[in-house]
Amino acid sequence: MYAQKVVIQNTAGFHIRPAQLFTEKAAQFQSTVLIMPEGTTTVADAKSILNLMTLGLEKGAVITIQAEGPDEAEAVAELSELVASGFGEE
């Protein structure tokens, strides 16, 4: 298992476009990928846009991206980079 904490950077938070980008990227990996917002017991499947949208993540939210499988380190690294980039938004 591999995990990393990241902070949602984009102003609008984790709305439909970032959630779509995130699920598309997560689906490229064989590993199981989960998202866990800090301060909650909620766990969401990163490959499910519905699961991600129900988290209601806003700018500044801290999440843990966790992956388990053959490409777990690569999955966490690339997804963390996507979040840190603000999903290409301001």
C-alpha atoms as a PDB file:
ATOM      1  CA  MET A   1       0.000   0.000   0.000  1.00  0.00           C
ATOM      2  CA  TYR A   2       1.188   3.493  -0.834  1.00  0.00           C
ATOM      3  CA  ALA A   3      -0.427   6.760   0.305  1.00  0.00           C
ATOM      4  CA  GLN A   4       0.137  10.504   0.198  1.00  0.00           C
ATOM      5  CA  LYS A   5      -1.679  13.549   1.596  1.00  0.00           C
ATOM      6  CA  VAL A   6      -2.472  16.418  -0.757  1.00  0.00           C
ATOM      7  CA  VAL A   7      -4.414  19.677  -0.539  1.00  0.00           C
ATOM      8  CA  ILE A   8      -7.144  20.642  -3.015  1.00  0.00           C
ATOM      9  CA  GLN A   9      -5.693  23.737  -4.734  1.00  0.00           C
ATOM     10  CA  ASN A  10      -8.235  24.956  -7.270  1.00  0.00           C
ATOM     11  CA  THR A  11     -10.643  27.708  -6.279  1.00  0.00           C
ATOM     12  CA  ALA A  12     -13.832  25.832  -7.170  1.00  0.00           C
ATOM     13  CA  GLY A  13     -12.772  22.711  -5.294  1.00  0.00           C
ATOM     14  CA  PHE A  14     -13.493  19.174  -6.456  1.00  0.00           C
ATOM     15  CA  HIS A  15     -16.402  19.890  -8.799  1.00  0.00           C
ATOM     16  CA  ILE A  16     -17.449  17.821 -11.832  1.00  0.00           C
ATOM     17  CA  ARG A  17     -14.517  18.625 -14.141  1.00  0.00           C
ATOM     18  CA  PRO A  18     -11.740  17.831 -11.640  1.00  0.00           C
ATOM     19  CA  ALA A  19     -13.631  14.739 -10.496  1.00  0.00           C
ATOM     20  CA  GLN A  20     -13.861  13.549 -14.093  1.00  0.00           C
ATOM     21  CA  LEU A  21     -10.156  14.170 -14.703  1.00  0.00           C
ATOM     22  CA  PHE A  22      -9.301  12.389 -11.473  1.00  0.00           C
ATOM     23  CA  THR A  23     -11.417   9.306 -12.217  1.00  0.00           C
ATOM     24  CA  GLU A  24     -10.076   9.090 -15.768  1.00  0.00           C
ATOM     25  CA  LYS A  25      -6.498   9.192 -14.467  1.00  0.00           C
ATOM     26  CA  ALA A  26      -7.240   6.694 -11.668  1.00  0.00           C
ATOM     27  CA  ALA A  27      -8.802   4.289 -14.181  1.00  0.00           C
ATOM     28  CA  GLN A  28      -5.469   4.085 -16.025  1.00  0.00           C
ATOM     29  CA  PHE A  29      -3.978   2.110 -13.128  1.00  0.00           C
ATOM     30  CA  GLN A  30      -4.471  -1.508 -12.131  1.00  0.00           C
ATOM     31  CA  SER A  31      -4.237  -0.671  -8.444  1.00  0.00           C
ATOM     32  CA  THR A  32      -7.227  -0.014  -6.228  1.00  0.00           C
ATOM     33  CA  VAL A  33      -7.248   3.728  -5.501  1.00  0.00           C
ATOM     34  CA  LEU A  34      -9.089   5.295  -2.573  1.00  0.00           C
ATOM     35  CA  ILE A  35      -9.592   8.875  -1.379  1.00  0.00           C
ATOM     36  CA  MET A  36      -9.942   9.693   2.315  1.00  0.00           C
ATOM     37  CA  PRO A  37     -10.756  13.273   3.362  1.00  0.00           C
ATOM     38  CA  GLU A  38      -8.914  14.321   6.517  1.00  0.00           C
ATOM     39  CA  GLY A  39     -11.052  14.510   9.628  1.00  0.00           C
ATOM     40  CA  THR A  40     -13.647  12.008   8.436  1.00  0.00           C
ATOM     41  CA  THR A  41     -14.054   8.253   8.258  1.00  0.00           C
ATOM     42  CA  THR A  42     -15.300   8.463   4.668  1.00  0.00           C
ATOM     43  CA  VAL A  43     -13.522   6.442   2.009  1.00  0.00           C
ATOM     44  CA  ALA A  44     -14.295   6.901  -1.694  1.00  0.00           C
ATOM     45  CA  ASP A  45     -13.379   4.804  -4.712  1.00  0.00           C
ATOM     46  CA  ALA A  46     -11.261   7.119  -6.877  1.00  0.00           C
ATOM     47  CA  LYS A  47     -12.447   5.359 -10.021  1.00  0.00           C
ATOM     48  CA  SER A  48     -16.083   6.337  -9.339  1.00  0.00           C
ATOM     49  CA  ILE A  49     -17.059   9.893 -10.231  1.00  0.00           C
ATOM     50  CA  LEU A  50     -20.211   9.557  -8.116  1.00  0.00           C
ATOM     51  CA  ASN A  51     -18.146   8.573  -5.062  1.00  0.00           C
ATOM     52  CA  LEU A  52     -15.843  11.556  -5.563  1.00  0.00           C
ATOM     53  CA  MET A  53     -18.662  14.057  -6.070  1.00  0.00           C
ATOM     54  CA  THR A  54     -20.350  12.997  -2.823  1.00  0.00           C
ATOM     55  CA  LEU A  55     -17.244  14.044  -0.870  1.00  0.00           C
ATOM     56  CA  GLY A  56     -17.986  17.754  -1.433  1.00  0.00           C
ATOM     57  CA  LEU A  57     -14.301  18.710  -1.301  1.00  0.00           C
ATOM     58  CA  GLU A  58     -13.577  22.434  -1.339  1.00  0.00           C
ATOM     59  CA  LYS A  59     -10.377  24.416  -1.809  1.00  0.00           C
ATOM     60  CA  GLY A  60      -8.008  23.721   1.073  1.00  0.00           C
ATOM     61  CA  ALA A  61      -9.417  20.275   1.872  1.00  0.00           C
ATOM     62  CA  VAL A  62      -6.729  17.757   2.789  1.00  0.00           C
ATOM     63  CA  ILE A  63      -7.155  14.299   1.312  1.00  0.00           C
ATOM     64  CA  THR A  64      -5.154  11.111   1.426  1.00  0.00           C
ATOM     65  CA  ILE A  65      -4.754   9.278  -1.859  1.00  0.00           C
ATOM     66  CA  GLN A  66      -4.129   5.607  -1.167  1.00  0.00           C
ATOM     67  CA  ALA A  67      -3.375   2.890  -3.699  1.00  0.00           C
ATOM     68  CA  GLU A  68      -2.752  -0.813  -3.439  1.00  0.00           C
ATOM     69  CA  GLY A  69      -1.618  -2.977  -6.321  1.00  0.00           C
ATOM     70  CA  PRO A  70       1.123  -3.453  -8.889  1.00  0.00           C
ATOM     71  CA  ASP A  71       1.387   0.226  -9.891  1.00  0.00           C
ATOM     72  CA  GLU A  72       0.458   1.829  -6.548  1.00  0.00           C
ATOM     73  CA  ALA A  73       3.410   4.231  -6.250  1.00  0.00           C
ATOM     74  CA  GLU A  74       2.943   5.519  -9.793  1.00  0.00           C
ATOM     75  CA  ALA A  75      -0.817   5.906  -9.264  1.00  0.00           C
ATOM     76  CA  VAL A  76      -0.401   7.939  -6.075  1.00  0.00           C
ATOM     77  CA  ALA A  77       2.357  10.078  -7.582  1.00  0.00           C
ATOM     78  CA  GLU A  78       0.424  10.953 -10.737  1.00  0.00           C
ATOM     79  CA  LEU A  79      -2.877  11.582  -8.949  1.00  0.00           C
ATOM     80  CA  SER A  80      -1.147  13.723  -6.317  1.00  0.00           C
ATOM     81  CA  GLU A  81       0.488  15.741  -9.074  1.00  0.00           C
ATOM     82  CA  LEU A  82      -2.899  16.245 -10.746  1.00  0.00           C
ATOM     83  CA  VAL A  83      -4.413  17.574  -7.510  1.00  0.00           C
ATOM     84  CA  ALA A  84      -1.389  19.777  -6.788  1.00  0.00           C
ATOM     85  CA  SER A  85      -1.653  21.285 -10.288  1.00  0.00           C
ATOM     86  CA  GLY A  86      -5.175  22.512  -9.481  1.00  0.00           C
ATOM     87  CA  PHE A  87      -6.493  20.397 -12.354  1.00  0.00           C
ATOM     88  CA  GLY A  88      -5.301  23.100 -14.760  1.00  0.00           C
ATOM     89  CA  GLU A  89      -7.659  25.677 -13.247  1.00  0.00           C
ATOM     90  CA  GLU A  90      -6.997  28.925 -11.426  1.00  0.00           C
END
